[in-house]
PDB file of N, CA and C in Angstrom:
ATOM      1  N   MET A   1     103.080 -14.492-115.646  1.00  0.00           N
ATOM      2  CA  MET A   1     102.917 -13.706-116.474  1.00  0.00           C
ATOM      3  C   MET A   1     105.167 -13.485-117.179  1.00  0.00           C
ATOM      4  N   GLU A   2     104.970 -13.179-118.188  1.00  0.00           N
ATOM      5  CA  GLU A   2     105.785 -13.220-118.842  1.00  0.00           C
ATOM      6  C   GLU A   2     105.864 -11.721-119.281  1.00  0.00           C
ATOM      7  N   THR A   3     107.533 -10.410-118.524  1.00  0.00           N
ATOM      8  CA  THR A   3     106.662 -10.117-119.596  1.00  0.00           C
ATOM      9  C   THR A   3     108.370  -9.807-121.371  1.00  0.00           C
ATOM     10  N   ILE A   4     108.057  -8.622-121.794  1.00  0.00           N
ATOM     11  CA  ILE A   4     108.957  -8.822-123.004  1.00  0.00           C
ATOM     12  C   ILE A   4     109.340  -7.134-123.698  1.00  0.00           C
ATOM     13  N   THR A   5     109.757  -7.637-124.261  1.00  0.00           N
ATOM     14  CA  THR A   5     110.170  -5.318-124.812  1.00  0.00           C
ATOM     15  C   THR A   5     110.224  -5.910-126.229  1.00  0.00           C
ATOM     16  N   ILE A   6     109.641  -5.051-126.767  1.00  0.00           N
ATOM     17  CA  ILE A   6     109.189  -4.318-128.668  1.00  0.00           C
ATOM     18  C   ILE A   6     110.631  -4.371-128.696  1.00  0.00           C
ATOM     19  N   SER A   7     111.533  -4.567-129.810  1.00  0.00           N
ATOM     20  CA  SER A   7     112.438  -4.540-130.338  1.00  0.00           C
ATOM     21  C   SER A   7     112.335  -2.845-131.012  1.00  0.00           C
ATOM     22  N   SER A   8     113.505  -2.505-131.657  1.00  0.00           N
ATOM     23  CA  SER A   8     113.724  -0.639-132.401  1.00  0.00           C
ATOM     24  C   SER A   8     112.536  -1.051-134.046  1.00  0.00           C
ATOM     25  N   LYS A   9     112.231  -2.658-133.795  1.00  0.00           N
ATOM     26  CA  LYS A   9     111.991  -2.930-135.301  1.00  0.00           C
ATOM     27  C   LYS A   9     110.481  -3.126-134.744  1.00  0.00           C
ATOM     28  N   GLY A  10     109.666  -3.645-134.112  1.00  0.00           N
ATOM     29  CA  GLY A  10     108.335  -3.145-133.307  1.00  0.00           C
ATOM     30  C   GLY A  10     107.971  -5.031-132.983  1.00  0.00           C
ATOM     31  N   GLN A  11     109.363  -5.439-132.694  1.00  0.00           N
ATOM     32  CA  GLN A  11     109.430  -7.097-133.254  1.00  0.00           C
ATOM     33  C   GLN A  11     109.593  -7.549-131.363  1.00  0.00           C
ATOM     34  N   VAL A  12     108.321  -8.512-131.099  1.00  0.00           N
ATOM     35  CA  VAL A  12     108.724  -9.856-130.280  1.00  0.00           C
ATOM     36  C   VAL A  12     109.373 -10.663-129.955  1.00  0.00           C
ATOM     37  N   VAL A  13     110.079 -10.824-128.714  1.00  0.00           N
ATOM     38  CA  VAL A  13     110.439 -12.655-128.764  1.00  0.00           C
ATOM     39  C   VAL A  13     109.508 -14.021-127.721  1.00  0.00           C
ATOM     40  N   ILE A  14     108.624 -14.353-128.460  1.00  0.00           N
ATOM     41  CA  ILE A  14     108.348 -15.137-127.685  1.00  0.00           C
ATOM     42  C   ILE A  14     108.968 -16.487-126.821  1.00  0.00           C
ATOM     43  N   PRO A  15     108.751 -16.124-125.014  1.00  0.00           N
ATOM     44  CA  PRO A  15     110.039 -17.079-125.107  1.00  0.00           C
ATOM     45  C   PRO A  15     109.377 -18.702-124.619  1.00  0.00           C
ATOM     46  N   LYS A  16     110.752 -18.657-124.918  1.00  0.00           N
ATOM     47  CA  LYS A  16     110.642 -20.681-125.430  1.00  0.00           C
ATOM     48  C   LYS A  16     109.995 -21.668-124.556  1.00  0.00           C
ATOM     49  N   GLN A  17     109.435 -21.492-123.324  1.00  0.00           N
ATOM     50  CA  GLN A  17     108.997 -22.013-122.610  1.00  0.00           C
ATOM     51  C   GLN A  17     107.717 -21.598-123.212  1.00  0.00           C
ATOM     52  N   VAL A  18     107.296 -20.338-123.048  1.00  0.00           N
ATOM     53  CA  VAL A  18     105.717 -20.382-124.150  1.00  0.00           C
ATOM     54  C   VAL A  18     105.566 -20.928-125.089  1.00  0.00           C
ATOM     55  N   ARG A  19     106.968 -20.496-126.285  1.00  0.00           N
ATOM     56  CA  ARG A  19     106.316 -21.709-127.408  1.00  0.00           C
ATOM     57  C   ARG A  19     106.659 -23.344-127.483  1.00  0.00           C
ATOM     58  N   GLU A  20     106.996 -23.600-126.611  1.00  0.00           N
ATOM     59  CA  GLU A  20     107.198 -25.142-126.256  1.00  0.00           C
ATOM     60  C   GLU A  20     105.796 -25.011-125.848  1.00  0.00           C
ATOM     61  N   GLN A  21     105.649 -24.956-124.626  1.00  0.00           N
ATOM     62  CA  GLN A  21     104.352 -25.263-124.791  1.00  0.00           C
ATOM     63  C   GLN A  21     102.320 -25.120-125.348  1.00  0.00           C
ATOM     64  N   LEU A  22     102.812 -24.800-125.872  1.00  0.00           N
ATOM     65  CA  LEU A  22     101.851 -23.590-127.275  1.00  0.00           C
ATOM     66  C   LEU A  22     102.388 -25.079-128.219  1.00  0.00           C
ATOM     67  N   GLY A  23     103.266 -25.447-128.235  1.00  0.00           N
ATOM     68  CA  GLY A  23     104.077 -25.911-129.540  1.00  0.00           C
ATOM     69  C   GLY A  23     104.140 -24.971-130.722  1.00  0.00           C
ATOM     70  N   LEU A  24     104.893 -24.238-130.773  1.00  0.00           N
ATOM     71  CA  LEU A  24     104.854 -23.194-131.556  1.00  0.00           C
ATOM     72  C   LEU A  24     105.931 -22.836-132.078  1.00  0.00           C
ATOM     73  N   GLU A  25     106.124 -23.764-133.271  1.00  0.00           N
ATOM     74  CA  GLU A  25     107.117 -23.220-134.757  1.00  0.00           C
ATOM     75  C   GLU A  25     108.105 -22.352-135.242  1.00  0.00           C
ATOM     76  N   GLU A  26     108.873 -22.549-136.196  1.00  0.00           N
ATOM     77  CA  GLU A  26     108.833 -21.850-136.723  1.00  0.00           C
ATOM     78  C   GLU A  26     108.124 -21.527-137.967  1.00  0.00           C
ATOM     79  N   GLY A  27     107.740 -21.474-138.401  1.00  0.00           N
ATOM     80  CA  GLY A  27     106.376 -20.981-139.193  1.00  0.00           C
ATOM     81  C   GLY A  27     105.248 -20.582-138.840  1.00  0.00           C
ATOM     82  N   THR A  28     104.953 -21.313-137.747  1.00  0.00           N
ATOM     83  CA  THR A  28     103.319 -20.922-137.314  1.00  0.00           C
ATOM     84  C   THR A  28     102.906 -19.530-137.250  1.00  0.00           C
ATOM     85  N   LYS A  29     102.085 -19.944-138.020  1.00  0.00           N
ATOM     86  CA  LYS A  29     101.424 -18.986-138.157  1.00  0.00           C
ATOM     87  C   LYS A  29      99.716 -18.292-136.972  1.00  0.00           C
ATOM     88  N   LEU A  30      99.931 -16.693-136.712  1.00  0.00           N
ATOM     89  CA  LEU A  30      99.481 -16.113-135.303  1.00  0.00           C
ATOM     90  C   LEU A  30      98.536 -15.216-136.038  1.00  0.00           C
ATOM     91  N   ASN A  31      96.705 -15.032-135.029  1.00  0.00           N
ATOM     92  CA  ASN A  31      96.309 -14.121-135.468  1.00  0.00           C
ATOM     93  C   ASN A  31      96.467 -13.372-134.273  1.00  0.00           C
ATOM     94  N   LEU A  32      96.478 -11.881-134.325  1.00  0.00           N
ATOM     95  CA  LEU A  32      96.509 -11.336-133.707  1.00  0.00           C
ATOM     96  C   LEU A  32      94.675 -10.336-132.815  1.00  0.00           C
ATOM     97  N   GLU A  33      95.051  -9.977-132.335  1.00  0.00           N
ATOM     98  CA  GLU A  33      93.805  -9.631-131.717  1.00  0.00           C
ATOM     99  C   GLU A  33      94.248  -8.629-130.112  1.00  0.00           C
ATOM    100  N   VAL A  34      93.262  -7.136-130.746  1.00  0.00           N
ATOM    101  CA  VAL A  34      93.496  -6.585-129.932  1.00  0.00           C
ATOM    102  C   VAL A  34      92.159  -6.644-128.939  1.00  0.00           C
ATOM    103  N   ARG A  35      92.616  -6.216-127.175  1.00  0.00           N
ATOM    104  CA  ARG A  35      91.382  -6.117-126.487  1.00  0.00           C
ATOM    105  C   ARG A  35      91.665  -5.290-125.871  1.00  0.00           C
ATOM    106  N   GLY A  36      90.833  -3.737-126.484  1.00  0.00           N
ATOM    107  CA  GLY A  36      91.053  -2.270-125.221  1.00  0.00           C
ATOM    108  C   GLY A  36      92.485  -1.835-125.219  1.00  0.00           C
ATOM    109  N   GLN A  37      92.865  -2.762-124.024  1.00  0.00           N
ATOM    110  CA  GLN A  37      94.915  -2.318-124.578  1.00  0.00           C
ATOM    111  C   GLN A  37      95.668  -3.567-123.756  1.00  0.00           C
ATOM    112  N   GLU A  38      95.081  -4.861-124.283  1.00  0.00           N
ATOM    113  CA  GLU A  38      95.646  -5.740-124.768  1.00  0.00           C
ATOM    114  C   GLU A  38      96.047  -6.395-126.016  1.00  0.00           C
ATOM    115  N   VAL A  39      96.872  -6.892-126.704  1.00  0.00           N
ATOM    116  CA  VAL A  39      97.410  -7.556-126.990  1.00  0.00           C
ATOM    117  C   VAL A  39      97.627  -9.246-127.194  1.00  0.00           C
ATOM    118  N   VAL A  40      96.063 -10.522-128.264  1.00  0.00           N
ATOM    119  CA  VAL A  40      96.024 -11.080-127.579  1.00  0.00           C
ATOM    120  C   VAL A  40      96.994 -12.463-128.664  1.00  0.00           C
ATOM    121  N   LEU A  41      97.453 -12.947-128.654  1.00  0.00           N
ATOM    122  CA  LEU A  41      98.279 -13.927-129.926  1.00  0.00           C
ATOM    123  C   LEU A  41      97.766 -15.140-129.626  1.00  0.00           C
ATOM    124  N   SER A  42      96.607 -16.330-130.916  1.00  0.00           N
ATOM    125  CA  SER A  42      96.375 -17.176-131.031  1.00  0.00           C
ATOM    126  C   SER A  42      97.021 -17.645-132.077  1.00  0.00           C
ATOM    127  N   LYS A  43      96.785 -19.193-132.166  1.00  0.00           N
ATOM    128  CA  LYS A  43      97.108 -19.641-132.910  1.00  0.00           C
ATOM    129  C   LYS A  43      96.416 -19.967-134.133  1.00  0.00           C
ATOM    130  N   THR A  44      96.647 -19.667-135.320  1.00  0.00           N
ATOM    131  CA  THR A  44      95.243 -19.994-136.715  1.00  0.00           C
ATOM    132  C   THR A  44      95.388 -20.900-136.896  1.00  0.00           C
ATOM    133  N   ALA A  45      93.786 -21.383-136.839  1.00  0.00           N
ATOM    134  CA  ALA A  45      93.925 -22.553-137.340  1.00  0.00           C
ATOM    135  C   ALA A  45      93.945 -23.182-139.337  1.00  0.00           C
ATOM    136  N   ASP A  46      94.430 -23.345-139.162  1.00  0.00           N
ATOM    137  CA  ASP A  46      94.767 -24.339-140.282  1.00  0.00           C
ATOM    138  C   ASP A  46      93.464 -25.181-140.938  1.00  0.00           C
ATOM    139  N   TRP A  47      92.904 -25.228-142.360  1.00  0.00           N
ATOM    140  CA  TRP A  47      91.554 -25.977-142.706  1.00  0.00           C
ATOM    141  C   TRP A  47      92.168 -26.960-142.937  1.00  0.00           C
ATOM    142  N   ARG A  48      93.993 -27.338-143.067  1.00  0.00           N
ATOM    143  CA  ARG A  48      93.768 -28.789-143.579  1.00  0.00           C
ATOM    144  C   ARG A  48      93.729 -29.988-141.726  1.00  0.00           C
ATOM    145  N   ASP A  49      94.228 -28.793-140.689  1.00  0.00           N
ATOM    146  CA  ASP A  49      94.436 -29.631-139.749  1.00  0.00           C
ATOM    147  C   ASP A  49      92.330 -29.559-139.206  1.00  0.00           C
ATOM    148  N   MET A  50      91.694 -29.335-139.839  1.00  0.00           N
ATOM    149  CA  MET A  50      90.930 -30.087-139.255  1.00  0.00           C
ATOM    150  C   MET A  50      90.200 -31.064-139.696  1.00  0.00           C
ATOM    151  N   GLN A  51      90.070 -30.962-141.922  1.00  0.00           N
ATOM    152  CA  GLN A  51      89.704 -32.744-141.979  1.00  0.00           C
ATOM    153  C   GLN A  51      89.640 -33.538-141.259  1.00  0.00           C
ATOM    154  N   GLY A  52      88.580 -33.892-141.785  1.00  0.00           N
ATOM    155  CA  GLY A  52      87.870 -35.468-140.136  1.00  0.00           C
ATOM    156  C   GLY A  52      87.696 -34.997-139.462  1.00  0.00           C
ATOM    157  N   MET A  53      87.341 -33.468-138.672  1.00  0.00           N
ATOM    158  CA  MET A  53      87.479 -33.255-137.694  1.00  0.00           C
ATOM    159  C   MET A  53      85.437 -34.100-137.336  1.00  0.00           C
ATOM    160  N   VAL A  54      85.436 -32.620-138.258  1.00  0.00           N
ATOM    161  CA  VAL A  54      83.959 -33.177-138.151  1.00  0.00           C
ATOM    162  C   VAL A  54      83.176 -34.412-139.090  1.00  0.00           C
ATOM    163  N   THR A  55      82.570 -35.137-138.827  1.00  0.00           N
ATOM    164  CA  THR A  55      81.684 -36.150-139.117  1.00  0.00           C
ATOM    165  C   THR A  55      80.234 -36.274-138.857  1.00  0.00           C
ATOM    166  N   GLY A  56      79.107 -36.096-139.702  1.00  0.00           N
ATOM    167  CA  GLY A  56      77.686 -35.449-139.108  1.00  0.00           C
ATOM    168  C   GLY A  56      77.451 -34.996-138.202  1.00  0.00           C
ATOM    169  N   GLY A  57      78.417 -33.853-138.336  1.00  0.00           N
ATOM    170  CA  GLY A  57      77.658 -32.649-137.072  1.00  0.00           C
ATOM    171  C   GLY A  57      78.019 -31.401-137.818  1.00  0.00           C
ATOM    172  N   ASP A  58      78.109 -30.718-136.430  1.00  0.00           N
ATOM    173  CA  ASP A  58      77.820 -29.503-137.169  1.00  0.00           C
ATOM    174  C   ASP A  58      79.211 -28.172-137.134  1.00  0.00           C
ATOM    175  N   LEU A  59      79.389 -28.364-138.382  1.00  0.00           N
ATOM    176  CA  LEU A  59      80.588 -27.508-138.847  1.00  0.00           C
ATOM    177  C   LEU A  59      80.932 -25.999-137.181  1.00  0.00           C
ATOM    178  N   ILE A  60      80.018 -25.322-137.534  1.00  0.00           N
ATOM    179  CA  ILE A  60      79.984 -24.497-136.428  1.00  0.00           C
ATOM    180  C   ILE A  60      80.046 -24.509-135.264  1.00  0.00           C
ATOM    181  N   GLN A  61      79.201 -25.176-134.734  1.00  0.00           N
ATOM    182  CA  GLN A  61      79.080 -26.297-133.252  1.00  0.00           C
ATOM    183  C   GLN A  61      80.589 -26.530-132.976  1.00  0.00           C
ATOM    184  N   ALA A  62      81.502 -27.315-134.289  1.00  0.00           N
ATOM    185  CA  ALA A  62      82.523 -27.702-133.360  1.00  0.00           C
ATOM    186  C   ALA A  62      83.349 -26.348-134.152  1.00  0.00           C
ATOM    187  N   LEU A  63      83.793 -25.843-134.440  1.00  0.00           N
ATOM    188  CA  LEU A  63      85.044 -24.642-134.639  1.00  0.00           C
ATOM    189  C   LEU A  63      84.280 -23.257-133.260  1.00  0.00           C
ATOM    190  N   GLU A  64      83.523 -23.608-132.310  1.00  0.00           N
ATOM    191  CA  GLU A  64      82.793 -22.652-131.172  1.00  0.00           C
ATOM    192  C   GLU A  64      83.364 -23.617-130.465  1.00  0.00           C
ATOM    193  N   GLU A  65      83.394 -24.623-130.454  1.00  0.00           N
ATOM    194  CA  GLU A  65      83.940 -25.342-129.316  1.00  0.00           C
ATOM    195  C   GLU A  65      85.306 -25.898-129.513  1.00  0.00           C
ATOM    196  N   GLU A  66      85.911 -25.703-130.501  1.00  0.00           N
ATOM    197  CA  GLU A  66      87.450 -25.824-130.647  1.00  0.00           C
ATOM    198  C   GLU A  66      88.399 -24.172-129.478  1.00  0.00           C
ATOM    199  N   ARG A  67      87.115 -22.863-130.074  1.00  0.00           N
ATOM    200  CA  ARG A  67      87.327 -21.695-129.545  1.00  0.00           C
ATOM    201  C   ARG A  67      87.384 -21.257-127.823  1.00  0.00           C
ATOM    202  N   GLU A  68      86.248 -21.963-127.632  1.00  0.00           N
ATOM    203  CA  GLU A  68      86.427 -22.459-126.411  1.00  0.00           C
ATOM    204  C   GLU A  68      87.368 -22.520-125.690  1.00  0.00           C
ATOM    205  N   LEU A  69      87.628 -24.023-125.707  1.00  0.00           N
ATOM    206  CA  LEU A  69      89.322 -24.947-125.435  1.00  0.00           C
ATOM    207  C   LEU A  69      90.670 -23.758-125.845  1.00  0.00           C
ATOM    208  N   ASP A  70      90.266 -23.453-126.777  1.00  0.00           N
ATOM    209  CA  ASP A  70      91.482 -22.279-127.108  1.00  0.00           C
ATOM    210  C   ASP A  70      91.555 -20.730-126.275  1.00  0.00           C
ATOM    211  N   LYS A  71      90.335 -20.414-125.500  1.00  0.00           N
ATOM    212  CA  LYS A  71      90.413 -19.836-124.507  1.00  0.00           C
ATOM    213  C   LYS A  71      90.570 -19.953-122.993  1.00  0.00           C
ATOM    214  N   GLN A  72      89.838 -21.298-123.488  1.00  0.00           N
ATOM    215  CA  GLN A  72      90.655 -21.762-121.886  1.00  0.00           C
ATOM    216  C   GLN A  72      91.741 -22.328-121.488  1.00  0.00           C
ATOM    217  N   LEU A  73      92.295 -22.332-122.512  1.00  0.00           N
ATOM    218  CA  LEU A  73      93.787 -22.133-122.238  1.00  0.00           C
ATOM    219  C   LEU A  73      94.673 -21.292-121.569  1.00  0.00           C
ATOM    220  N   GLU A  74      94.106 -19.801-122.743  1.00  0.00           N
ATOM    221  CA  GLU A  74      94.759 -18.747-122.751  1.00  0.00           C
ATOM    222  C   GLU A  74      94.579 -18.109-121.015  1.00  0.00           C
ATOM    223  N   ASP A  75      93.518 -18.886-120.666  1.00  0.00           N
ATOM    224  CA  ASP A  75      93.481 -18.028-119.437  1.00  0.00           C
ATOM    225  C   ASP A  75      94.072 -18.729-118.105  1.00  0.00           C
ATOM    226  N   ARG A  76      94.217 -20.107-118.690  1.00  0.00           N
ATOM    227  CA  ARG A  76      95.158 -20.837-118.462  1.00  0.00           C
ATOM    228  C   ARG A  76      96.709 -20.202-117.650  1.00  0.00           C
ATOM    229  N   CYS A  77      97.155 -20.015-119.256  1.00  0.00           N
ATOM    230  CA  CYS A  77      98.535 -19.611-119.682  1.00  0.00           C
ATOM    231  C   CYS A  77      98.349 -17.966-118.985  1.00  0.00           C
ATOM    232  N   GLY A  78      97.531 -17.334-119.204  1.00  0.00           N
ATOM    233  CA  GLY A  78      97.958 -15.553-118.431  1.00  0.00           C
ATOM    234  C   GLY A  78      97.125 -15.206-117.412  1.00  0.00           C
TER     235      GLY A  78
END
C-alpha cells in the first residue's frame, strides 16, 4: 500500500511505480469513485479502444468481463 499526501490545491501524485505498472501517461483519463471511506481510481475505457473488441458477441457481457478484470487488478494492487 502506498501513502500519498494531498497538496494545498487538493492534488495527489500517483507514484511512478504505480503509473508504470498501469500504463498511466500524461493525459490518461481516470474515473474517481467513492466507496464508503475509500477513493477508487480506475482507467477510463475509451470507446475507441473497444472498437473490434466484440465480434458476434454480447457487448454488455464483454464490458462486464472487462470490469471484472479491472477489479482483479485493483485487488492485486491494493
